[in-house]
Amino acid sequence: MKTTKKEKIAKGILYAVLIIYAIATFYPFIWAIAASFKPLKEIVSGDLSLIPQNFTWGNYQYVLGRSSLFTRWFINSVIISVIGTAINILLNTMAGYALARLNFPGRQRIYYGFLALMMVPAQVLLIPNYLILMNLGMLDSFSALILPAAINIGNIFMMRQFFLSFPTDVEEAAALDGLGRFQTFFRIVMPLAKPSIATQAVFIFMSFWNEFMKPMLYLTTPSKYTLTLGLQTFQSQNGGVRWDQTMAASVITIIPIIILYLIFNKYFLQGVRMDGEK
């Protein structure tokens, strides 16, 4: 079927709009990376060029060297994000599997209860969680950030939808080979659920890594700050905002997310596609 002239023009306009939008969206990110290699005078002068006139590594040397707490904040964020993601993957996947595959009293009520809880804004739970953590003596600790976020209802729902279409023949074959329910889950089901697990892993890691409100409420010791909370302190630790050093610190904060996405990109895209089809 031949493409008409009007269709070609419309497609050309659409591509032009998308390219302009992509440039407008991507340019600030590229400028931030370029600014991290510029001295402060060049940044505050209002120069929006992407090529530094006076290229310098000094900003990164200061952040990673002379700024003693920044490395500690980075390690704290890695510990919290990795442990929180691992716990979420295990519990969300097990809960989704149970709601999809196991028959037990109250299963549907629990499912509808989860759907109702998805409508509750997270901000509403901040104060109740704070009071509970205070009574348990868990404030100013990593567990205050990890345990209340140990499950995610949205990801439980996603895993349930995945397991609803999971072939029962695989589980029946595993049962004939003598595998129990837990052995089937860990040795057969989880490896075959890699696309959906990778999808939730990316989103969960990003939520832990980018979290700001909870660390601000729950953490008081500077050495226990996460990177997002520490970055706010870092911006004004010298009596004023040092945009050159702040840009370098900001670039460092996004590196783990980029690495994670590159590692799970194949499974992530496959999982998103499968969830969209469902």
Protein backbone atom coordinates (compact mmCIF):
# COMPACT_ATOMS: atom_id res chain seq x y z
CA MET A 1 0.00 0.00 0.00
CA LYS A 2 1.50 3.32 -1.14
CA THR A 3 2.01 6.15 1.30
CA THR A 4 0.31 9.35 0.26
CA LYS A 5 2.04 12.73 0.24
CA LYS A 6 -0.06 13.96 3.19
CA GLU A 7 0.90 10.92 5.25
CA LYS A 8 4.59 11.52 4.53
CA ILE A 9 4.28 15.17 5.59
CA ALA A 10 2.39 14.21 8.75
CA LYS A 11 5.01 11.59 9.60
CA GLY A 12 7.81 14.11 8.96
CA ILE A 13 6.16 16.65 11.28
CA LEU A 14 5.67 13.98 13.94
CA TYR A 15 9.34 12.97 13.78
CA ALA A 16 10.43 16.60 13.94
CA VAL A 17 8.30 17.22 17.04
CA LEU A 18 9.67 14.07 18.71
CA ILE A 19 13.26 15.03 17.91
CA ILE A 20 12.78 18.54 19.30
CA TYR A 21 11.15 17.11 22.43
CA ALA A 22 13.99 14.60 22.87
CA ILE A 23 16.61 17.35 22.55
CA ALA A 24 14.73 19.62 25.00
CA THR A 25 14.51 16.74 27.48
CA PHE A 26 18.03 15.42 27.07
CA TYR A 27 19.91 18.73 26.89
CA PRO A 28 19.70 19.59 30.64
CA PHE A 29 21.10 16.15 31.48
CA ILE A 30 24.04 16.56 29.10
CA TRP A 31 24.63 20.11 30.36
CA ALA A 32 24.76 18.87 33.96
CA ILE A 33 27.47 16.36 32.99
CA ALA A 34 29.40 19.08 31.13
CA ALA A 35 29.02 21.49 34.08
CA SER A 36 30.58 18.94 36.41
CA PHE A 37 33.87 19.49 34.54
CA LYS A 38 33.65 23.31 34.65
CA PRO A 39 34.97 25.71 37.32
CA LEU A 40 32.42 27.65 39.34
CA LYS A 41 33.04 30.97 37.53
CA GLU A 42 32.21 29.43 34.17
CA ILE A 43 28.94 27.94 35.47
CA VAL A 44 27.64 31.10 37.18
CA SER A 45 28.53 33.20 34.13
CA GLY A 46 25.42 31.81 32.43
CA ASP A 47 27.29 29.94 29.71
CA LEU A 48 25.09 27.09 28.43
CA SER A 49 27.67 25.53 26.12
CA LEU A 50 28.28 21.80 26.41
CA ILE A 51 32.05 22.07 25.95
CA PRO A 52 33.93 23.35 29.03
CA GLN A 53 36.30 26.24 28.26
CA ASN A 54 38.47 25.36 31.27
CA PHE A 55 38.19 21.58 31.67
CA THR A 56 38.90 20.36 35.22
CA TRP A 57 38.73 17.17 37.27
CA GLY A 58 38.89 19.17 40.49
CA ASN A 59 35.18 18.89 41.25
CA TYR A 60 35.31 15.09 41.28
CA GLN A 61 38.58 15.10 43.22
CA TYR A 62 36.97 17.22 45.91
CA VAL A 63 33.77 15.16 46.08
CA LEU A 64 35.53 11.78 46.22
CA GLY A 65 38.57 12.91 48.17
CA ARG A 66 38.34 15.92 50.44
CA SER A 67 34.60 15.56 51.07
CA SER A 68 34.90 12.83 53.71
CA LEU A 69 31.20 12.02 54.17
CA PHE A 70 30.19 11.78 50.51
CA THR A 71 31.73 8.32 50.07
CA ARG A 72 29.99 7.21 53.28
CA TRP A 73 26.64 8.48 51.97
CA PHE A 74 27.19 6.66 48.70
CA ILE A 75 27.91 3.37 50.51
CA ASN A 76 24.85 3.87 52.73
CA SER A 77 22.60 4.28 49.69
CA VAL A 78 24.08 1.21 48.03
CA ILE A 79 23.53 -0.91 51.17
CA ILE A 80 19.95 0.26 51.66
CA SER A 81 19.01 -0.01 47.98
CA VAL A 82 20.56 -3.45 47.41
CA ILE A 83 19.15 -5.02 50.59
CA GLY A 84 15.75 -3.36 50.13
CA THR A 85 15.55 -4.49 46.51
CA ALA A 86 16.53 -8.08 47.35
CA ILE A 87 13.91 -8.31 50.13
CA ASN A 88 11.24 -6.78 47.90
CA ILE A 89 11.97 -9.15 45.02
CA LEU A 90 11.68 -12.18 47.28
CA LEU A 91 8.53 -11.14 49.18
CA ASN A 92 6.72 -9.54 46.23
CA THR A 93 7.36 -12.56 44.02
CA MET A 94 6.28 -15.04 46.70
CA ALA A 95 3.14 -13.04 47.49
CA GLY A 96 2.23 -12.73 43.81
CA TYR A 97 2.75 -16.45 43.31
CA ALA A 98 0.62 -17.31 46.34
CA LEU A 99 -2.26 -15.09 45.19
CA ALA A 100 -2.13 -16.57 41.69
CA ARG A 101 -1.45 -20.25 42.35
CA LEU A 102 -2.39 -21.27 45.89
CA ASN A 103 -5.94 -21.88 47.05
CA PHE A 104 -6.42 -20.81 50.65
CA PRO A 105 -9.30 -19.23 52.62
CA GLY A 106 -9.57 -15.47 52.17
CA ARG A 107 -7.36 -15.28 49.07
CA GLN A 108 -9.74 -13.05 47.15
CA ARG A 109 -10.33 -10.81 50.18
CA ILE A 110 -6.59 -10.32 50.59
CA TYR A 111 -6.31 -9.51 46.90
CA TYR A 112 -9.09 -6.92 47.05
CA GLY A 113 -7.55 -5.53 50.24
CA PHE A 114 -4.28 -5.02 48.36
CA LEU A 115 -6.13 -3.23 45.57
CA ALA A 116 -7.74 -0.93 48.13
CA LEU A 117 -4.39 -0.18 49.78
CA MET A 118 -2.93 0.82 46.40
CA MET A 119 -5.28 3.82 46.48
CA VAL A 120 -3.85 5.12 49.77
CA PRO A 121 -1.25 7.89 49.17
CA ALA A 122 2.17 7.07 50.63
CA GLN A 123 2.33 10.51 52.30
CA VAL A 124 -0.61 9.56 54.54
CA LEU A 125 1.47 6.77 56.11
CA LEU A 126 4.58 8.82 56.92
CA ILE A 127 3.49 9.95 60.40
CA PRO A 128 2.02 6.56 61.48
CA ASN A 129 5.22 4.83 60.28
CA TYR A 130 7.32 7.37 62.17
CA LEU A 131 5.43 6.74 65.43
CA ILE A 132 5.67 2.96 65.01
CA LEU A 133 9.41 3.10 64.29
CA MET A 134 9.93 5.44 67.26
CA ASN A 135 8.14 3.04 69.62
CA LEU A 136 10.18 0.14 68.27
CA GLY A 137 13.44 2.08 68.73
CA MET A 138 14.33 1.80 65.04
CA LEU A 139 14.73 5.49 64.20
CA ASP A 140 18.12 6.65 62.90
CA SER A 141 18.90 3.22 61.45
CA PHE A 142 18.91 1.62 58.02
CA SER A 143 16.15 -0.77 59.06
CA ALA A 144 13.80 2.23 59.40
CA LEU A 145 14.12 2.72 55.63
CA ILE A 146 14.18 -0.94 54.60
CA LEU A 147 11.56 -2.76 56.70
CA PRO A 148 8.53 -0.44 56.14
CA ALA A 149 9.22 -0.70 52.40
CA ALA A 150 9.91 -4.45 52.42
CA ILE A 151 6.93 -5.10 50.12
CA ASN A 152 5.34 -3.17 47.31
CA ILE A 153 1.69 -3.81 46.53
CA GLY A 154 2.00 -2.62 42.94
CA ASN A 155 4.75 -5.16 42.27
CA ILE A 156 2.77 -7.90 44.04
CA PHE A 157 -0.09 -7.18 41.67
CA MET A 158 2.31 -7.26 38.69
CA MET A 159 3.76 -10.63 39.74
CA ARG A 160 0.28 -12.04 40.33
CA GLN A 161 -0.70 -11.11 36.79
CA PHE A 162 2.44 -12.79 35.48
CA PHE A 163 1.84 -16.02 37.37
CA LEU A 164 -1.80 -16.20 36.28
CA SER A 165 -0.55 -16.89 32.77
CA PHE A 166 2.35 -19.09 33.92
CA PRO A 167 2.03 -22.60 32.39
CA THR A 168 0.81 -25.15 34.93
CA ASP A 169 2.46 -27.97 32.97
CA VAL A 170 5.87 -26.84 34.24
CA GLU A 171 4.78 -27.10 37.88
CA GLU A 172 3.08 -30.44 37.29
CA ALA A 173 6.25 -31.80 35.71
CA ALA A 174 8.28 -30.57 38.68
CA ALA A 175 5.84 -32.27 41.08
CA LEU A 176 6.20 -35.55 39.16
CA ASP A 177 9.97 -35.25 39.58
CA GLY A 178 9.48 -35.06 43.34
CA LEU A 179 9.93 -31.34 43.90
CA GLY A 180 7.93 -29.71 46.69
CA ARG A 181 6.19 -26.35 46.49
CA PHE A 182 9.20 -24.35 47.73
CA GLN A 183 11.66 -26.26 45.54
CA THR A 184 9.44 -25.68 42.51
CA PHE A 185 9.20 -21.99 43.29
CA PHE A 186 12.93 -21.34 43.79
CA ARG A 187 14.32 -23.76 41.19
CA ILE A 188 11.71 -23.55 38.43
CA VAL A 189 9.33 -20.61 38.80
CA MET A 190 11.71 -17.78 39.76
CA PRO A 191 14.25 -18.46 36.97
CA LEU A 192 11.44 -18.42 34.41
CA ALA A 193 10.07 -15.16 35.86
CA LYS A 194 13.29 -13.20 35.17
CA PRO A 195 11.64 -10.56 32.90
CA SER A 196 9.06 -9.54 35.51
CA ILE A 197 11.59 -9.77 38.34
CA ALA A 198 14.05 -7.56 36.43
CA THR A 199 11.29 -5.02 35.79
CA GLN A 200 10.41 -4.70 39.46
CA ALA A 201 14.10 -4.74 40.45
CA VAL A 202 14.79 -1.62 38.38
CA PHE A 203 11.80 0.28 39.76
CA ILE A 204 12.39 -0.80 43.37
CA PHE A 205 16.09 0.08 43.29
CA MET A 206 15.27 3.51 41.85
CA SER A 207 12.65 4.14 44.56
CA PHE A 208 15.13 3.31 47.33
CA TRP A 209 17.98 5.19 45.67
CA ASN A 210 15.97 8.36 45.00
CA GLU A 211 14.04 8.40 48.30
CA PHE A 212 14.42 11.72 50.11
CA MET A 213 11.43 12.27 52.42
CA LYS A 214 11.86 9.14 54.55
CA PRO A 215 15.60 9.57 55.21
CA MET A 216 14.92 13.19 56.15
CA LEU A 217 12.34 12.08 58.73
CA TYR A 218 13.99 8.94 60.06
CA LEU A 219 17.74 9.69 60.02
CA THR A 220 19.49 12.21 62.26
CA THR A 221 23.15 11.15 62.29
CA PRO A 222 25.06 12.71 59.33
CA SER A 223 27.21 9.61 58.84
CA LYS A 224 24.04 7.55 58.28
CA TYR A 225 22.55 9.86 55.64
CA THR A 226 21.67 8.49 52.24
CA LEU A 227 23.03 10.11 49.10
CA THR A 228 19.90 12.16 48.38
CA LEU A 229 19.77 13.59 51.89
CA GLY A 230 23.53 14.06 52.04
CA LEU A 231 23.50 15.88 48.71
CA GLN A 232 21.26 18.57 50.17
CA THR A 233 23.71 19.01 53.04
CA PHE A 234 26.64 18.97 50.63
CA GLN A 235 25.19 21.84 48.59
CA SER A 236 25.49 24.34 51.42
CA GLN A 237 28.28 22.94 53.59
CA ASN A 238 30.67 25.72 52.52
CA GLY A 239 28.28 28.56 53.36
CA GLY A 240 26.86 28.75 49.84
CA VAL A 241 25.91 26.52 46.93
CA ARG A 242 28.99 25.37 45.01
CA TRP A 243 27.36 24.43 41.72
CA ASP A 244 30.56 22.98 40.28
CA GLN A 245 30.93 20.45 43.10
CA THR A 246 27.16 19.90 43.31
CA MET A 247 27.03 18.98 39.60
CA ALA A 248 29.85 16.47 40.06
CA ALA A 249 28.10 14.94 43.07
CA SER A 250 24.81 14.76 41.16
CA VAL A 251 26.42 12.96 38.23
CA ILE A 252 27.92 10.38 40.59
CA THR A 253 24.48 9.71 42.10
CA ILE A 254 22.98 8.67 38.77
CA ILE A 255 25.78 6.29 37.76
CA PRO A 256 24.43 3.23 39.71
CA ILE A 257 20.97 3.65 38.15
CA ILE A 258 22.46 3.78 34.64
CA ILE A 259 24.59 0.70 35.34
CA LEU A 260 21.59 -1.18 36.74
CA TYR A 261 19.48 -0.32 33.70
CA LEU A 262 22.22 -1.43 31.29
CA ILE A 263 22.55 -4.75 33.12
CA PHE A 264 18.81 -5.48 33.21
CA ASN A 265 17.89 -3.70 29.98
CA LYS A 266 17.17 -6.91 28.06
CA TYR A 267 14.93 -8.39 30.76
CA PHE A 268 13.42 -5.00 31.65
CA LEU A 269 12.14 -4.32 28.13
CA GLN A 270 10.90 -7.90 27.81
CA GLY A 271 9.04 -7.63 31.13
CA VAL A 272 7.42 -4.31 30.21
CA ARG A 273 6.31 -5.75 26.88
CA MET A 274 4.83 -8.86 28.52
CA ASP A 275 3.00 -6.81 31.15
CA GLY A 276 1.61 -4.52 28.46
CA GLU A 277 0.30 -7.50 26.49
CA LYS A 278 -1.38 -8.87 29.60
